[in-house]
Amino acid sequence: MSDVSDDFDEDEAVQLGDYEGERNENEERHGYGKATLPNGDTYEGQYQNGKRHGHGTYRFKNLARYVGEYTNGKKHGQGTFVYPDGSKYEGSWVDDQRNGHGVYRYVNGDTYEGDWYEHKKHGYGVYTYASTGSSYKGLWEAGKKKGAGEIVHANHKFNGRFEDNLPKGSGRYRFDKGCELFGEYTIEEQLIQGNNDEDEPVLVTRPKWVTNGRMAALT
């Protein structure tokens, strides 16, 4: 996921770059205008007292673009950001960051729809994996799965709790054939040696499912 979303800061005292549009009595950019910034970015849209304010389109020289609302020079409100790699975010912005409810479409076809805070998935959201059709529905914290959640596959689902993106603690599997399996996930750490004997071993964290032997039929 890309986070290239910083617009060029147009100093409100010294207006930089080329500008064509309306101005106020203080000669500040005010109303509708078009600007080409010193770094090659462009902006077309509304200004207020020298700052981007209202609806506008900001195009980055790296081909990224933002179309949406601004407040006092910052992306704020509803807007769509297309990143250089082709991924796209549509939703709420606060002070130049993804914040509130929004949908992120990744370049590999995955999607996330849910809550955001300071550019990261935070709160309740649904992440769908394009390659398998499986999805995670549940809580997130600072960009990682954390708290109560559910992983839904084609013919079964898992309900439980998550920590640092991994299932941890008690949970249950529910199968479409009509039964539930109870147990818990523990976290195991293992040192994995690289392909080259001179490489330092890498510590890998994996979840391990342990059933408690309890199975129940669905009614």
Protein backbone atom coordinates (compact mmCIF):
# COMPACT_ATOMS: atom_id res chain seq x y z
CA MET A 1 0.00 0.00 0.00
CA SER A 2 1.30 3.41 -0.93
CA ASP A 3 1.20 6.41 1.35
CA VAL A 4 2.39 9.05 -1.12
CA SER A 5 -0.16 11.72 -0.31
CA ASP A 6 1.66 14.89 0.67
CA ASP A 7 0.69 17.86 -1.45
CA PHE A 8 3.20 20.61 -2.09
CA ASP A 9 2.80 23.27 0.59
CA GLU A 10 1.86 26.56 -1.06
CA ASP A 11 3.08 29.25 1.30
CA GLU A 12 0.15 31.58 1.96
CA ALA A 13 2.43 34.65 2.11
CA VAL A 14 4.55 33.96 -0.97
CA GLN A 15 2.52 32.17 -3.63
CA LEU A 16 4.89 29.86 -5.52
CA GLY A 17 4.64 28.48 -9.04
CA ASP A 18 2.38 29.53 -11.89
CA TYR A 19 -1.21 30.44 -11.11
CA GLU A 20 -4.19 31.35 -13.23
CA GLY A 21 -7.44 32.19 -11.49
CA GLU A 22 -9.32 34.33 -9.04
CA ARG A 23 -7.83 36.34 -6.19
CA ASN A 24 -9.18 38.30 -3.24
CA GLU A 25 -8.52 41.95 -2.34
CA ASN A 26 -5.24 40.92 -0.70
CA GLU A 27 -4.08 39.30 -3.96
CA GLU A 28 -4.29 35.86 -2.37
CA ARG A 29 -5.53 32.93 -4.40
CA HIS A 30 -9.24 32.90 -3.68
CA GLY A 31 -12.06 31.22 -5.59
CA TYR A 32 -11.42 29.00 -8.58
CA GLY A 33 -7.92 28.61 -9.98
CA LYS A 34 -5.28 26.47 -11.65
CA ALA A 35 -1.74 26.17 -10.32
CA THR A 36 1.47 24.50 -11.45
CA LEU A 37 3.76 24.03 -8.46
CA PRO A 38 7.57 24.33 -8.53
CA ASN A 39 7.97 20.56 -8.13
CA GLY A 40 5.82 19.83 -11.20
CA ASP A 41 2.59 18.97 -9.38
CA THR A 42 -0.63 20.67 -10.48
CA TYR A 43 -3.82 21.71 -8.71
CA GLU A 44 -7.14 22.79 -10.14
CA GLY A 45 -10.00 23.76 -7.89
CA GLN A 46 -11.13 26.03 -5.10
CA TYR A 47 -9.00 28.33 -2.95
CA GLN A 48 -9.75 30.41 0.11
CA ASN A 49 -7.40 33.11 1.38
CA GLY A 50 -4.39 31.59 -0.37
CA LYS A 51 -4.97 27.94 0.53
CA ARG A 52 -6.66 25.03 -1.21
CA HIS A 53 -10.15 24.99 0.25
CA GLY A 54 -13.24 23.29 -1.17
CA HIS A 55 -13.28 20.79 -3.99
CA GLY A 56 -10.20 20.28 -6.13
CA THR A 57 -8.00 17.93 -8.14
CA TYR A 58 -4.32 17.59 -7.23
CA ARG A 59 -2.08 15.72 -9.71
CA PHE A 60 1.36 14.58 -8.65
CA LYS A 61 4.22 14.39 -11.13
CA ASN A 62 4.54 10.66 -10.26
CA LEU A 63 1.02 10.20 -11.76
CA ALA A 64 -0.75 9.89 -8.41
CA ARG A 65 -3.83 12.10 -8.01
CA TYR A 66 -6.33 13.23 -5.43
CA VAL A 67 -9.86 14.35 -6.26
CA GLY A 68 -11.91 15.61 -3.36
CA GLU A 69 -12.36 18.12 -0.59
CA TYR A 70 -9.79 20.40 1.05
CA THR A 71 -9.88 22.53 4.20
CA ASN A 72 -7.17 25.12 4.88
CA GLY A 73 -4.76 23.49 2.45
CA LYS A 74 -5.22 19.91 3.63
CA LYS A 75 -7.21 16.98 2.32
CA HIS A 76 -10.23 17.00 4.59
CA GLY A 77 -13.67 15.53 3.93
CA GLN A 78 -14.53 13.06 1.19
CA GLY A 79 -11.99 12.29 -1.49
CA THR A 80 -10.44 9.71 -3.80
CA PHE A 81 -6.69 9.13 -3.97
CA VAL A 82 -5.14 7.06 -6.76
CA TYR A 83 -1.59 6.01 -5.87
CA PRO A 84 1.35 5.54 -8.26
CA ASP A 85 1.07 1.74 -8.15
CA GLY A 86 -2.61 1.89 -9.21
CA SER A 87 -4.14 1.23 -5.79
CA LYS A 88 -7.01 3.53 -4.80
CA TYR A 89 -8.62 4.87 -1.64
CA GLU A 90 -12.13 6.32 -1.59
CA GLY A 91 -13.46 7.76 1.61
CA SER A 92 -12.98 10.16 4.47
CA TRP A 93 -9.90 12.32 5.12
CA VAL A 94 -8.90 14.39 8.14
CA ASP A 95 -5.82 16.65 8.12
CA ASP A 96 -4.28 14.96 5.03
CA GLN A 97 -4.73 11.42 6.37
CA ARG A 98 -7.13 8.55 5.71
CA ASN A 99 -9.43 8.93 8.68
CA GLY A 100 -13.01 7.71 9.13
CA HIS A 101 -14.78 5.28 6.82
CA GLY A 102 -13.25 4.34 3.50
CA VAL A 103 -12.53 1.69 0.88
CA TYR A 104 -9.00 0.81 -0.24
CA ARG A 105 -8.57 -1.21 -3.44
CA TYR A 106 -5.13 -2.77 -3.69
CA VAL A 107 -3.25 -3.32 -6.92
CA ASN A 108 -3.47 -7.13 -6.45
CA GLY A 109 -7.29 -6.95 -6.28
CA ASP A 110 -7.64 -7.16 -2.49
CA THR A 111 -10.03 -4.71 -0.85
CA TYR A 112 -10.51 -3.26 2.60
CA GLU A 113 -13.69 -1.47 3.61
CA GLY A 114 -14.03 -0.07 7.07
CA ASP A 115 -12.65 2.36 9.61
CA TRP A 116 -9.35 4.24 9.39
CA TYR A 117 -7.32 6.36 11.77
CA GLU A 118 -4.17 8.29 10.84
CA HIS A 119 -3.70 6.41 7.55
CA LYS A 120 -4.08 2.96 9.15
CA LYS A 121 -6.91 0.42 9.40
CA HIS A 122 -8.38 1.00 12.83
CA GLY A 123 -11.77 -0.01 14.22
CA TYR A 124 -14.11 -2.39 12.40
CA GLY A 125 -13.39 -3.42 8.83
CA VAL A 126 -13.63 -6.16 6.22
CA TYR A 127 -10.56 -7.24 4.26
CA THR A 128 -11.22 -9.47 1.22
CA TYR A 129 -8.46 -11.47 -0.47
CA ALA A 130 -8.89 -11.51 -4.25
CA SER A 131 -6.85 -14.68 -4.82
CA THR A 132 -9.04 -16.90 -2.61
CA GLY A 133 -12.25 -14.96 -2.00
CA SER A 134 -11.68 -15.38 1.75
CA SER A 135 -12.25 -12.42 4.04
CA TYR A 136 -11.51 -11.15 7.53
CA LYS A 137 -14.35 -9.35 9.31
CA GLY A 138 -13.49 -7.81 12.61
CA LEU A 139 -11.50 -5.33 14.65
CA TRP A 140 -8.24 -3.62 13.72
CA GLU A 141 -5.75 -1.54 15.65
CA ALA A 142 -2.99 0.56 14.08
CA GLY A 143 -3.20 -1.36 10.82
CA LYS A 144 -3.25 -4.88 12.28
CA LYS A 145 -5.97 -7.39 13.14
CA LYS A 146 -6.57 -7.13 16.88
CA GLY A 147 -9.58 -8.15 18.95
CA ALA A 148 -12.68 -10.10 17.97
CA GLY A 149 -12.81 -11.24 14.37
CA GLU A 150 -14.01 -13.80 11.89
CA ILE A 151 -12.24 -15.37 8.92
CA VAL A 152 -14.66 -16.59 6.26
CA HIS A 153 -13.57 -19.20 3.69
CA ALA A 154 -15.54 -20.91 0.93
CA ASN A 155 -16.86 -23.78 3.08
CA HIS A 156 -16.01 -22.88 6.67
CA LYS A 157 -15.29 -19.96 8.98
CA PHE A 158 -13.27 -19.25 12.11
CA ASN A 159 -14.45 -17.09 15.01
CA GLY A 160 -12.04 -15.96 17.66
CA ARG A 161 -9.66 -13.25 18.75
CA PHE A 162 -6.60 -11.85 17.05
CA GLU A 163 -3.36 -10.27 18.19
CA ASP A 164 -0.75 -8.67 15.92
CA ASN A 165 -2.51 -10.03 12.80
CA LEU A 166 -2.58 -13.64 14.10
CA PRO A 167 -5.36 -15.68 15.74
CA LYS A 168 -4.67 -16.15 19.44
CA GLY A 169 -6.64 -17.74 22.26
CA SER A 170 -9.89 -19.68 22.24
CA GLY A 171 -12.05 -19.90 19.15
CA ARG A 172 -14.15 -22.17 17.01
CA TYR A 173 -14.38 -23.41 13.44
CA ARG A 174 -17.81 -23.71 11.87
CA PHE A 175 -18.12 -25.98 8.83
CA ASP A 176 -20.82 -25.87 6.18
CA LYS A 177 -21.36 -29.61 6.56
CA GLY A 178 -23.05 -28.83 9.88
CA CYS A 179 -20.62 -28.99 12.78
CA GLU A 180 -18.43 -26.81 14.99
CA LEU A 181 -14.94 -27.56 16.31
CA PHE A 182 -13.65 -25.79 19.43
CA GLY A 183 -10.09 -25.14 20.51
CA GLU A 184 -7.48 -22.44 20.78
CA TYR A 185 -4.57 -20.89 18.95
CA THR A 186 -1.17 -20.52 20.56
CA ILE A 187 1.73 -18.57 19.08
CA GLU A 188 4.96 -20.43 18.33
CA GLU A 189 8.31 -18.87 17.51
CA GLN A 190 10.84 -20.76 15.42
CA LEU A 191 14.28 -19.91 14.05
CA ILE A 192 14.48 -20.62 10.31
CA GLN A 193 17.85 -20.94 8.64
CA GLY A 194 18.26 -19.15 5.31
CA ASN A 195 19.29 -20.79 2.06
CA ASN A 196 22.88 -19.77 2.65
CA ASP A 197 24.59 -21.17 5.76
CA GLU A 198 26.21 -17.78 6.29
CA ASP A 199 22.82 -16.07 6.61
CA GLU A 200 21.55 -15.24 10.06
CA PRO A 201 18.56 -17.39 11.09
CA VAL A 202 15.21 -15.60 10.98
CA LEU A 203 12.71 -15.75 13.83
CA VAL A 204 9.31 -16.75 12.42
CA THR A 205 6.07 -16.43 14.39
CA ARG A 206 3.31 -18.90 13.55
CA PRO A 207 -0.11 -19.66 15.04
CA LYS A 208 -0.75 -23.28 16.12
CA TRP A 209 -4.29 -24.64 16.44
CA VAL A 210 -4.96 -27.05 19.30
CA THR A 211 -8.42 -28.60 19.47
CA ASN A 212 -9.92 -29.41 22.83
CA GLY A 213 -11.77 -32.36 21.33
CA ARG A 214 -15.14 -30.72 21.64
CA MET A 215 -17.32 -30.85 18.56
CA ALA A 216 -20.95 -29.84 18.26
CA ALA A 217 -23.57 -30.33 15.58
CA LEU A 218 -25.28 -27.25 14.22
CA THR A 219 -29.01 -27.14 14.55
